Protein backbone atom coordinates (compact mmCIF):
# COMPACT_ATOMS: atom_id res chain seq x y z
CA MET A 1 26.01 21.52 -32.99
CA ILE A 2 25.82 18.12 -31.22
CA GLU A 3 28.10 19.20 -28.37
CA ALA A 4 26.20 22.47 -28.01
CA ALA A 5 22.92 20.58 -28.01
CA GLY A 6 24.13 18.31 -25.21
CA GLY A 7 25.08 21.26 -23.05
CA PHE A 8 21.81 22.98 -23.88
CA VAL A 9 19.74 19.95 -22.85
CA ILE A 10 21.50 19.81 -19.48
CA ALA A 11 21.03 23.54 -18.91
CA TYR A 12 17.38 23.41 -19.96
CA ALA A 13 16.64 20.41 -17.74
CA ALA A 14 18.25 22.21 -14.81
CA ALA A 15 16.24 25.35 -15.50
CA VAL A 16 12.97 23.39 -15.65
CA ALA A 17 13.84 21.51 -12.45
CA ILE A 18 14.43 24.69 -10.43
CA PRO A 19 11.28 25.14 -8.32
CA GLY A 20 9.31 28.23 -9.25
CA PRO A 21 5.71 29.41 -9.57
CA PHE A 22 4.83 26.76 -12.16
CA VAL A 23 6.25 23.83 -10.16
CA ALA A 24 4.51 25.10 -7.01
CA THR A 25 1.21 25.39 -8.86
CA LEU A 26 1.57 21.98 -10.53
CA VAL A 27 2.33 20.17 -7.29
CA SER A 28 -0.47 21.96 -5.45
CA ARG A 29 -3.04 21.11 -8.12
CA LEU A 30 -1.87 17.49 -8.16
CA MET A 31 -2.20 17.16 -4.41
CA THR A 32 -5.85 18.22 -4.59
CA ASP A 33 -7.08 17.16 -8.05
CA GLY A 34 -4.93 14.10 -8.72
CA LEU A 35 -2.55 12.97 -11.42
CA GLY A 36 -5.05 13.58 -14.22
CA ILE A 37 -4.46 17.34 -13.99
CA ALA A 38 -0.74 16.96 -14.73
CA PHE A 39 -0.78 16.41 -18.49
CA PRO A 40 -2.84 19.46 -19.51
CA MET A 41 -0.83 21.73 -17.22
CA ILE A 42 2.50 20.39 -18.49
CA ALA A 43 1.23 20.61 -22.09
CA GLY A 44 0.44 24.29 -21.51
CA ALA A 45 3.92 24.86 -20.11
CA ALA A 46 5.47 23.06 -23.09
CA LEU A 47 3.60 25.29 -25.53
CA GLY A 48 4.69 28.37 -23.59
CA ASP A 49 8.33 27.29 -23.75
CA LEU A 50 8.01 26.65 -27.48
CA VAL A 51 6.67 30.18 -27.96
CA TRP A 52 9.66 31.71 -26.17
CA ALA A 53 12.08 29.40 -28.01
CA CYS A 54 10.61 30.38 -31.39
CA LEU A 55 10.96 34.06 -30.55
CA ALA A 56 14.64 33.49 -29.81
CA LEU A 57 15.45 31.07 -32.65
CA PHE A 58 13.82 33.10 -35.39
CA GLY A 59 15.23 36.45 -34.31
CA LEU A 60 11.93 37.74 -33.00
CA ALA A 61 13.14 39.00 -29.63
CA ILE A 62 12.10 42.47 -30.76
CA ILE A 63 8.52 41.21 -30.95
CA ALA A 64 8.78 39.95 -27.38
CA GLU A 65 9.80 43.42 -26.30
CA HIS A 66 6.86 45.07 -28.09
CA ALA A 67 4.50 42.40 -26.75
CA ALA A 68 5.32 43.36 -23.17
CA PRO A 69 1.81 44.75 -22.46
CA ILE A 70 0.22 41.48 -23.60
CA ILE A 71 2.66 39.44 -21.52
CA THR A 72 1.90 41.63 -18.52
CA VAL A 73 -1.84 41.02 -18.93
CA LEU A 74 -1.23 37.27 -19.18
CA LYS A 75 0.95 37.39 -16.09
CA TYR A 76 -1.64 39.13 -13.93
CA ALA A 77 -4.52 37.06 -15.31
CA GLY A 78 -2.62 33.86 -14.57
CA ALA A 79 -1.68 35.11 -11.10
CA ALA A 80 -5.28 36.03 -10.30
CA TYR A 81 -6.51 32.62 -11.50
CA ILE A 82 -3.97 30.80 -9.36
CA VAL A 83 -4.88 32.86 -6.28
CA TRP A 84 -8.57 32.14 -6.92
CA ILE A 85 -7.88 28.40 -7.10
CA GLY A 86 -5.83 28.63 -3.90
CA VAL A 87 -8.65 30.37 -2.04
CA SER A 88 -11.13 27.78 -3.36
CA MET A 89 -8.89 24.97 -2.12
CA MET A 90 -8.60 26.46 1.36
CA ARG A 91 -12.38 26.89 1.57
CA SER A 92 -13.25 23.44 0.22
CA ARG A 93 -15.02 20.97 2.50
CA ILE A 94 -13.43 17.76 3.66
CA GLY A 95 -13.86 14.95 1.21
CA THR A 96 -12.02 12.53 -0.97
CA VAL A 97 -11.58 12.83 -4.70
CA ASP A 98 -10.76 10.35 -7.40
CA ALA A 99 -7.08 10.69 -8.24
CA LEU A 100 -7.75 10.38 -11.95
CA SER A 101 -10.96 12.36 -12.17
CA LEU A 102 -11.26 15.72 -13.88
CA ARG A 103 -14.17 18.06 -13.53
CA THR A 104 -15.84 19.18 -16.75
CA GLY A 105 -13.66 21.76 -18.45
CA SER A 106 -10.92 21.59 -15.83
CA ALA A 107 -8.42 20.04 -18.26
CA TRP A 108 -8.80 23.01 -20.61
CA ARG A 109 -8.47 25.44 -17.71
CA ALA A 110 -5.39 23.59 -16.48
CA PHE A 111 -3.84 23.84 -19.95
CA LEU A 112 -4.52 27.58 -20.10
CA SER A 113 -3.14 28.11 -16.61
CA GLY A 114 0.06 26.26 -17.53
CA LEU A 115 0.38 28.35 -20.69
CA SER A 116 -0.31 31.68 -18.99
CA ILE A 117 2.07 30.97 -16.11
CA THR A 118 4.85 30.09 -18.55
CA LEU A 119 4.29 33.07 -20.83
CA GLY A 120 4.16 35.44 -17.87
CA ASN A 121 7.05 33.87 -15.98
CA PRO A 122 10.39 35.69 -16.38
CA LYS A 123 12.38 32.47 -15.89
CA PRO A 124 11.63 30.83 -19.28
CA MET A 125 11.73 34.21 -21.01
CA THR A 126 15.22 34.87 -19.64
CA PHE A 127 16.42 31.37 -20.44
CA PHE A 128 15.41 31.39 -24.09
CA LEU A 129 16.13 35.01 -24.93
CA ALA A 130 19.35 35.38 -22.94
CA VAL A 131 20.80 31.95 -22.06
CA MET A 132 20.04 29.91 -25.19
CA PRO A 133 22.06 32.21 -27.51
CA GLY A 134 25.09 31.25 -25.43
CA PHE A 135 24.82 27.68 -26.71
CA PHE A 136 23.98 28.31 -30.37
CA ASP A 137 24.87 30.87 -33.00
CA LEU A 138 21.21 31.49 -33.74
CA ALA A 139 21.91 33.48 -36.90
CA SER A 140 23.80 30.59 -38.51
CA LEU A 141 21.41 27.76 -37.64
CA SER A 142 19.54 26.26 -40.58
CA LEU A 143 15.78 25.83 -40.48
CA ALA A 144 16.24 22.09 -39.89
CA GLN A 145 18.61 22.73 -37.00
CA LYS A 146 16.17 25.17 -35.43
CA GLY A 147 13.45 22.57 -35.79
CA ALA A 148 15.70 20.01 -34.08
CA VAL A 149 16.25 22.38 -31.15
CA LEU A 150 12.49 22.86 -30.80
CA MET A 151 11.93 19.09 -30.85
CA ILE A 152 14.30 18.72 -27.89
CA LEU A 153 12.22 20.88 -25.58
CA PRO A 154 8.95 18.96 -24.95
CA PRO A 155 10.56 15.58 -24.05
CA VAL A 156 12.93 17.25 -21.58
CA LEU A 157 10.20 19.34 -19.98
CA ILE A 158 7.74 16.44 -19.79
CA THR A 159 10.39 14.18 -18.21
CA VAL A 160 11.44 16.67 -15.54
CA LEU A 161 7.96 17.89 -14.65
CA GLY A 162 6.64 14.34 -14.89
CA LEU A 163 8.94 13.37 -12.03
CA TYR A 164 7.47 16.17 -9.94
CA ALA A 165 3.98 14.99 -10.89
CA LEU A 166 4.60 11.35 -10.01
CA THR A 167 6.16 12.29 -6.68
CA ALA A 168 3.22 14.52 -5.76
CA ALA A 169 0.71 11.88 -6.86
CA ARG A 170 2.48 9.25 -4.77
CA ALA A 171 2.40 11.52 -1.72
CA ARG A 172 -1.29 12.18 -2.31
CA GLU A 173 -2.13 8.49 -2.44
CA MET A 174 -0.47 8.03 0.96
CA MET A 175 -2.79 10.59 2.57
CA ARG A 176 -6.38 9.52 1.95
CA SER A 177 -8.06 10.29 5.29
CA ALA A 178 -10.46 13.22 5.53
CA ARG A 179 -8.18 15.06 7.92
CA SER A 180 -5.15 14.53 5.69
CA ILE A 181 -7.06 15.78 2.65
CA GLN A 182 -8.15 18.87 4.57
CA ARG A 183 -4.51 19.57 5.44
CA ILE A 184 -3.54 19.01 1.81
CA ASN A 185 -6.23 21.42 0.61
CA ARG A 186 -5.16 24.12 3.03
CA THR A 187 -1.44 23.69 2.40
CA ALA A 188 -1.86 23.48 -1.37
CA GLY A 189 -4.21 26.46 -1.33
CA ALA A 190 -1.75 28.57 0.64
CA THR A 191 1.05 27.49 -1.71
CA MET A 192 -0.94 28.48 -4.79
CA ILE A 193 -1.85 31.84 -3.28
CA GLY A 194 1.86 32.40 -2.61
CA ALA A 195 2.73 31.32 -6.16
CA GLY A 196 0.16 33.71 -7.62
CA ILE A 197 1.53 36.58 -5.56
CA ALA A 198 5.08 35.67 -6.61
CA ILE A 199 4.09 35.71 -10.29
CA ALA A 200 2.39 39.08 -9.94
CA ALA A 201 5.37 40.53 -8.05
CA THR A 202 8.03 39.53 -10.60
């Protein structure tokens, strides 16, 4: 169990670190809204991963298959929201924003966007339902062992995505002029539009 857990942690960290729609969205939001947006988005992603992990650990993959229509709705809703944010960023006027400020309700929206992206993203679904069983005999794990596996996930995800967040926040602090912020808004907006399209296309 311990050896399997070590290999699983490495594989999971590598999977989280691979850039995808969520990482692109997180970095883009950070570049425009500041570091304060990171925690709710990452928390949403962590909850999404826990949902997929529970489906795998407790033998509920069949439910995931029957929930395909719901997952599809979440995927397209999340994609549309991301594209809308991207368009808003590209159309925003030049101005500076407080790196730690959050507009009213934006933290909750960021959490929901992180959750919907993760639930509608085939990467975490494939990892937990197809890759994780290669590390553990899921049928023989005790309830305590399954709980231990679930407890591993949030710290690993927060650490990996936190590095992305800190890097993006550092880059943002280095570009504070109006022209730089306009370029950030346009680049981040285009990135988020691309990420939304990628999510919808997968």
